Amino acid sequence: MISINSINSLSSPANLGLNKANETATGIGQKNFSESIKSIGKQISNVDDLQQNANLSIKDLLTGKNEDITSVVSAMAKADISFKVLVGVRNKLIEAYKQTMNMQV
């Protein structure tokens, strides 16, 4: 699941490779950016895992392997919230990209 701390760490300038303008020659900014991309990939993978776990719990409930409906509802809620947060972060990133592209140099 995507936590608020991981979103805050992704939005910090240091993790986006934007902390210093003169780091382009040293490659430090590129390293931070690549780490940020890897972190985003891990978060997407976590959301996918939650979705798959929720689907599996639904199948278990329907087949009779699991009779605890609260765990199924809980798994679905976790998957739903994490997906909504992921879509919100994606929308903010797209909005920031569009604003950056519209800047006049």
N, C-alpha and C. Protein backbone atom coordinates (compact mmCIF):
# COMPACT_ATOMS: atom_id res chain seq x y z
N MET A 1 0.84 -1.17 0.00
CA MET A 1 0.00 0.00 0.00
C MET A 1 0.89 1.24 0.00
N ILE A 2 0.45 2.28 -0.65
CA ILE A 2 1.21 3.51 -0.70
C ILE A 2 0.96 4.28 0.58
N SER A 3 2.02 4.61 1.27
CA SER A 3 1.87 5.34 2.51
C SER A 3 2.12 6.82 2.25
N ILE A 4 1.64 7.64 3.16
CA ILE A 4 1.81 9.08 3.05
C ILE A 4 3.29 9.43 3.10
N ASN A 5 4.07 8.71 3.90
CA ASN A 5 5.50 8.98 3.99
C ASN A 5 6.19 8.75 2.67
N SER A 6 5.79 7.70 1.95
CA SER A 6 6.44 7.44 0.66
C SER A 6 6.06 8.49 -0.35
N ILE A 7 4.84 9.02 -0.28
CA ILE A 7 4.43 10.08 -1.20
C ILE A 7 5.21 11.35 -0.88
N ASN A 8 5.34 11.67 0.41
CA ASN A 8 6.11 12.85 0.79
C ASN A 8 7.56 12.72 0.38
N SER A 9 8.13 11.52 0.49
CA SER A 9 9.53 11.37 0.10
C SER A 9 9.69 11.47 -1.41
N LEU A 10 8.67 11.06 -2.17
CA LEU A 10 8.75 11.19 -3.62
C LEU A 10 8.62 12.64 -4.05
N SER A 11 7.88 13.43 -3.30
CA SER A 11 7.66 14.81 -3.70
C SER A 11 8.77 15.75 -3.23
N SER A 12 9.72 15.26 -2.45
CA SER A 12 10.80 16.14 -2.01
C SER A 12 11.76 16.39 -3.16
N PRO A 13 12.28 17.60 -3.25
CA PRO A 13 13.18 17.93 -4.36
C PRO A 13 14.41 17.04 -4.43
N ALA A 14 14.92 16.59 -3.29
CA ALA A 14 16.12 15.75 -3.31
C ALA A 14 15.84 14.43 -4.00
N ASN A 15 14.67 13.84 -3.78
CA ASN A 15 14.35 12.56 -4.38
C ASN A 15 13.96 12.67 -5.84
N LEU A 16 13.60 13.86 -6.27
CA LEU A 16 13.27 14.04 -7.68
C LEU A 16 14.47 14.49 -8.49
N GLY A 17 15.61 14.64 -7.85
CA GLY A 17 16.81 15.05 -8.56
C GLY A 17 16.82 16.53 -8.87
N LEU A 18 16.06 17.33 -8.12
CA LEU A 18 15.94 18.75 -8.39
C LEU A 18 16.57 19.61 -7.31
N ASN A 19 17.37 19.01 -6.43
CA ASN A 19 17.86 19.75 -5.28
C ASN A 19 18.90 20.81 -5.63
N LYS A 20 19.74 20.61 -6.64
CA LYS A 20 20.74 21.60 -7.02
C LYS A 20 20.82 21.66 -8.54
N ALA A 21 20.87 22.87 -9.05
CA ALA A 21 20.90 23.03 -10.51
C ALA A 21 22.27 22.70 -11.08
N ASN A 22 23.31 22.77 -10.28
CA ASN A 22 24.66 22.56 -10.81
C ASN A 22 25.13 21.11 -10.70
N GLU A 23 24.25 20.16 -10.43
CA GLU A 23 24.66 18.77 -10.28
C GLU A 23 24.66 18.00 -11.61
N THR A 24 24.37 18.66 -12.69
CA THR A 24 24.27 17.94 -13.95
C THR A 24 25.61 17.36 -14.38
N ALA A 25 26.69 18.04 -14.06
CA ALA A 25 28.01 17.55 -14.47
C ALA A 25 28.45 16.35 -13.63
N THR A 26 28.03 16.28 -12.39
CA THR A 26 28.47 15.19 -11.52
C THR A 26 27.62 13.94 -11.63
N GLY A 27 26.40 14.07 -12.09
CA GLY A 27 25.53 12.91 -12.23
C GLY A 27 24.78 12.54 -10.97
N ILE A 28 24.94 13.34 -9.91
CA ILE A 28 24.24 13.04 -8.66
C ILE A 28 22.74 13.21 -8.85
N GLY A 29 22.34 14.21 -9.59
CA GLY A 29 20.92 14.43 -9.84
C GLY A 29 20.30 13.27 -10.60
N GLN A 30 21.05 12.69 -11.52
CA GLN A 30 20.53 11.55 -12.28
C GLN A 30 20.36 10.34 -11.37
N LYS A 31 21.27 10.16 -10.42
CA LYS A 31 21.18 9.03 -9.50
C LYS A 31 19.93 9.16 -8.64
N ASN A 32 19.67 10.35 -8.11
CA ASN A 32 18.48 10.56 -7.29
C ASN A 32 17.22 10.35 -8.10
N PHE A 33 17.22 10.80 -9.35
CA PHE A 33 16.04 10.64 -10.19
C PHE A 33 15.79 9.16 -10.48
N SER A 34 16.86 8.42 -10.77
CA SER A 34 16.68 6.99 -11.05
C SER A 34 16.20 6.25 -9.81
N GLU A 35 16.66 6.65 -8.64
CA GLU A 35 16.16 6.04 -7.39
C GLU A 35 14.68 6.36 -7.19
N SER A 36 14.27 7.56 -7.56
CA SER A 36 12.87 7.93 -7.45
C SER A 36 12.01 7.10 -8.38
N ILE A 37 12.49 6.86 -9.58
CA ILE A 37 11.74 6.05 -10.54
C ILE A 37 11.62 4.62 -10.02
N LYS A 38 12.69 4.09 -9.45
CA LYS A 38 12.64 2.73 -8.88
C LYS A 38 11.65 2.67 -7.72
N SER A 39 11.62 3.71 -6.92
CA SER A 39 10.69 3.76 -5.79
C SER A 39 9.25 3.81 -6.28
N ILE A 40 8.99 4.56 -7.33
CA ILE A 40 7.65 4.62 -7.90
C ILE A 40 7.26 3.25 -8.44
N GLY A 41 8.20 2.56 -9.07
CA GLY A 41 7.93 1.22 -9.58
C GLY A 41 7.57 0.26 -8.46
N LYS A 42 8.26 0.38 -7.33
CA LYS A 42 7.96 -0.48 -6.18
C LYS A 42 6.56 -0.19 -5.65
N GLN A 43 6.19 1.08 -5.60
CA GLN A 43 4.86 1.44 -5.11
C GLN A 43 3.77 0.92 -6.04
N ILE A 44 4.00 0.99 -7.34
CA ILE A 44 3.03 0.44 -8.30
C ILE A 44 2.92 -1.06 -8.12
N SER A 45 4.04 -1.71 -7.88
CA SER A 45 4.02 -3.14 -7.63
C SER A 45 3.24 -3.47 -6.36
N ASN A 46 3.39 -2.65 -5.33
CA ASN A 46 2.64 -2.85 -4.08
C ASN A 46 1.14 -2.72 -4.31
N VAL A 47 0.74 -1.73 -5.11
CA VAL A 47 -0.68 -1.56 -5.42
C VAL A 47 -1.20 -2.76 -6.19
N ASP A 48 -0.42 -3.26 -7.12
CA ASP A 48 -0.82 -4.45 -7.88
C ASP A 48 -0.97 -5.66 -6.96
N ASP A 49 -0.04 -5.81 -6.03
CA ASP A 49 -0.14 -6.92 -5.07
C ASP A 49 -1.41 -6.83 -4.23
N LEU A 50 -1.76 -5.62 -3.80
CA LEU A 50 -2.98 -5.45 -3.01
C LEU A 50 -4.22 -5.79 -3.85
N GLN A 51 -4.20 -5.41 -5.12
CA GLN A 51 -5.32 -5.74 -6.00
C GLN A 51 -5.45 -7.25 -6.18
N GLN A 52 -4.33 -7.91 -6.38
CA GLN A 52 -4.36 -9.37 -6.55
C GLN A 52 -4.80 -10.08 -5.28
N ASN A 53 -4.34 -9.59 -4.12
CA ASN A 53 -4.77 -10.18 -2.84
C ASN A 53 -6.26 -10.00 -2.63
N ALA A 54 -6.79 -8.85 -3.01
CA ALA A 54 -8.22 -8.61 -2.86
C ALA A 54 -9.01 -9.54 -3.78
N ASN A 55 -8.54 -9.74 -5.01
CA ASN A 55 -9.22 -10.66 -5.93
C ASN A 55 -9.17 -12.09 -5.41
N LEU A 56 -8.04 -12.47 -4.86
CA LEU A 56 -7.91 -13.82 -4.31
C LEU A 56 -8.83 -14.02 -3.11
N SER A 57 -8.94 -13.00 -2.27
CA SER A 57 -9.83 -13.13 -1.11
C SER A 57 -11.30 -13.21 -1.54
N ILE A 58 -11.65 -12.52 -2.61
CA ILE A 58 -13.02 -12.63 -3.13
C ILE A 58 -13.28 -14.04 -3.66
N LYS A 59 -12.32 -14.58 -4.41
CA LYS A 59 -12.47 -15.94 -4.92
C LYS A 59 -12.58 -16.95 -3.78
N ASP A 60 -11.77 -16.76 -2.74
CA ASP A 60 -11.83 -17.67 -1.58
C ASP A 60 -13.18 -17.58 -0.89
N LEU A 61 -13.74 -16.38 -0.81
CA LEU A 61 -15.04 -16.22 -0.19
C LEU A 61 -16.12 -16.92 -1.03
N LEU A 62 -16.04 -16.76 -2.35
CA LEU A 62 -17.05 -17.36 -3.22
C LEU A 62 -16.96 -18.88 -3.27
N THR A 63 -15.77 -19.41 -3.15
CA THR A 63 -15.61 -20.87 -3.20
C THR A 63 -15.79 -21.52 -1.83
N GLY A 64 -15.89 -20.74 -0.79
CA GLY A 64 -16.12 -21.28 0.54
C GLY A 64 -14.86 -21.56 1.32
N LYS A 65 -13.70 -21.23 0.79
CA LYS A 65 -12.45 -21.44 1.53
C LYS A 65 -12.33 -20.47 2.71
N ASN A 66 -12.94 -19.31 2.56
CA ASN A 66 -12.88 -18.29 3.60
C ASN A 66 -14.30 -17.82 3.87
N GLU A 67 -14.70 -17.80 5.12
CA GLU A 67 -16.05 -17.37 5.45
C GLU A 67 -16.06 -16.04 6.20
N ASP A 68 -14.90 -15.43 6.37
CA ASP A 68 -14.80 -14.16 7.09
C ASP A 68 -14.95 -13.01 6.09
N ILE A 69 -16.12 -12.42 6.05
CA ILE A 69 -16.38 -11.36 5.07
C ILE A 69 -15.67 -10.06 5.43
N THR A 70 -15.37 -9.85 6.71
CA THR A 70 -14.69 -8.62 7.11
C THR A 70 -13.28 -8.56 6.54
N SER A 71 -12.59 -9.68 6.45
CA SER A 71 -11.25 -9.66 5.87
C SER A 71 -11.31 -9.36 4.37
N VAL A 72 -12.37 -9.83 3.72
CA VAL A 72 -12.54 -9.56 2.28
C VAL A 72 -12.82 -8.07 2.07
N VAL A 73 -13.70 -7.53 2.88
CA VAL A 73 -14.03 -6.10 2.76
C VAL A 73 -12.79 -5.26 3.08
N SER A 74 -12.04 -5.67 4.07
CA SER A 74 -10.81 -4.95 4.43
C SER A 74 -9.79 -4.99 3.29
N ALA A 75 -9.62 -6.13 2.68
CA ALA A 75 -8.68 -6.25 1.56
C ALA A 75 -9.13 -5.39 0.38
N MET A 76 -10.43 -5.38 0.12
CA MET A 76 -10.95 -4.55 -0.96
C MET A 76 -10.77 -3.06 -0.68
N ALA A 77 -10.98 -2.66 0.58
CA ALA A 77 -10.82 -1.26 0.95
C ALA A 77 -9.37 -0.82 0.81
N LYS A 78 -8.44 -1.67 1.24
CA LYS A 78 -7.01 -1.35 1.10
C LYS A 78 -6.64 -1.20 -0.36
N ALA A 79 -7.11 -2.12 -1.18
CA ALA A 79 -6.80 -2.06 -2.61
C ALA A 79 -7.41 -0.83 -3.25
N ASP A 80 -8.63 -0.49 -2.87
CA ASP A 80 -9.31 0.67 -3.44
C ASP A 80 -8.61 1.97 -3.06
N ILE A 81 -8.28 2.12 -1.79
CA ILE A 81 -7.63 3.35 -1.34
C ILE A 81 -6.25 3.50 -1.97
N SER A 82 -5.49 2.42 -2.01
CA SER A 82 -4.15 2.52 -2.59
C SER A 82 -4.21 2.85 -4.08
N PHE A 83 -5.21 2.31 -4.78
CA PHE A 83 -5.35 2.63 -6.20
C PHE A 83 -5.75 4.09 -6.39
N LYS A 84 -6.64 4.59 -5.55
CA LYS A 84 -7.04 5.99 -5.66
C LYS A 84 -5.88 6.93 -5.38
N VAL A 85 -5.04 6.59 -4.41
CA VAL A 85 -3.86 7.40 -4.12
C VAL A 85 -2.89 7.36 -5.30
N LEU A 86 -2.71 6.18 -5.88
CA LEU A 86 -1.83 6.05 -7.04
C LEU A 86 -2.31 6.90 -8.21
N VAL A 87 -3.60 6.88 -8.47
CA VAL A 87 -4.16 7.69 -9.56
C VAL A 87 -4.01 9.17 -9.24
N GLY A 88 -4.20 9.55 -7.99
CA GLY A 88 -4.01 10.95 -7.60
C GLY A 88 -2.58 11.42 -7.79
N VAL A 89 -1.63 10.59 -7.43
CA VAL A 89 -0.22 10.94 -7.62
C VAL A 89 0.10 11.05 -9.12
N ARG A 90 -0.43 10.10 -9.89
CA ARG A 90 -0.22 10.15 -11.34
C ARG A 90 -0.77 11.44 -11.92
N ASN A 91 -1.97 11.83 -11.50
CA ASN A 91 -2.58 13.06 -12.01
C ASN A 91 -1.76 14.29 -11.65
N LYS A 92 -1.23 14.31 -10.43
CA LYS A 92 -0.37 15.44 -10.02
C LYS A 92 0.91 15.49 -10.84
N LEU A 93 1.49 14.32 -11.12
CA LEU A 93 2.71 14.29 -11.93
C LEU A 93 2.43 14.77 -13.35
N ILE A 94 1.31 14.38 -13.91
CA ILE A 94 0.95 14.82 -15.26
C ILE A 94 0.70 16.32 -15.27
N GLU A 95 0.02 16.83 -14.25
CA GLU A 95 -0.23 18.25 -14.15
C GLU A 95 1.08 19.04 -14.04
N ALA A 96 2.01 18.54 -13.24
CA ALA A 96 3.32 19.20 -13.10
C ALA A 96 4.08 19.17 -14.41
N TYR A 97 4.01 18.06 -15.13
CA TYR A 97 4.67 17.95 -16.43
C TYR A 97 4.09 18.96 -17.41
N LYS A 98 2.77 19.08 -17.45
CA LYS A 98 2.14 20.03 -18.37
C LYS A 98 2.52 21.46 -18.03
N GLN A 99 2.57 21.79 -16.75
CA GLN A 99 2.97 23.13 -16.35
C GLN A 99 4.41 23.41 -16.73
N THR A 100 5.26 22.41 -16.58
CA THR A 100 6.66 22.57 -16.94
C THR A 100 6.80 22.78 -18.45
N MET A 101 6.04 22.02 -19.22
CA MET A 101 6.13 22.17 -20.68
C MET A 101 5.58 23.50 -21.16
N ASN A 102 4.66 24.11 -20.41
CA ASN A 102 4.09 25.40 -20.81
C ASN A 102 4.93 26.59 -20.36
N MET A 103 6.01 26.34 -19.62
CA MET A 103 6.87 27.45 -19.18
C MET A 103 7.60 28.04 -20.36
N GLN A 104 7.69 29.35 -20.35
CA GLN A 104 8.44 30.03 -21.39
C GLN A 104 9.86 30.28 -20.91
N VAL A 105 10.81 29.96 -21.75
CA VAL A 105 12.21 30.10 -21.37
C VAL A 105 12.77 31.41 -21.85
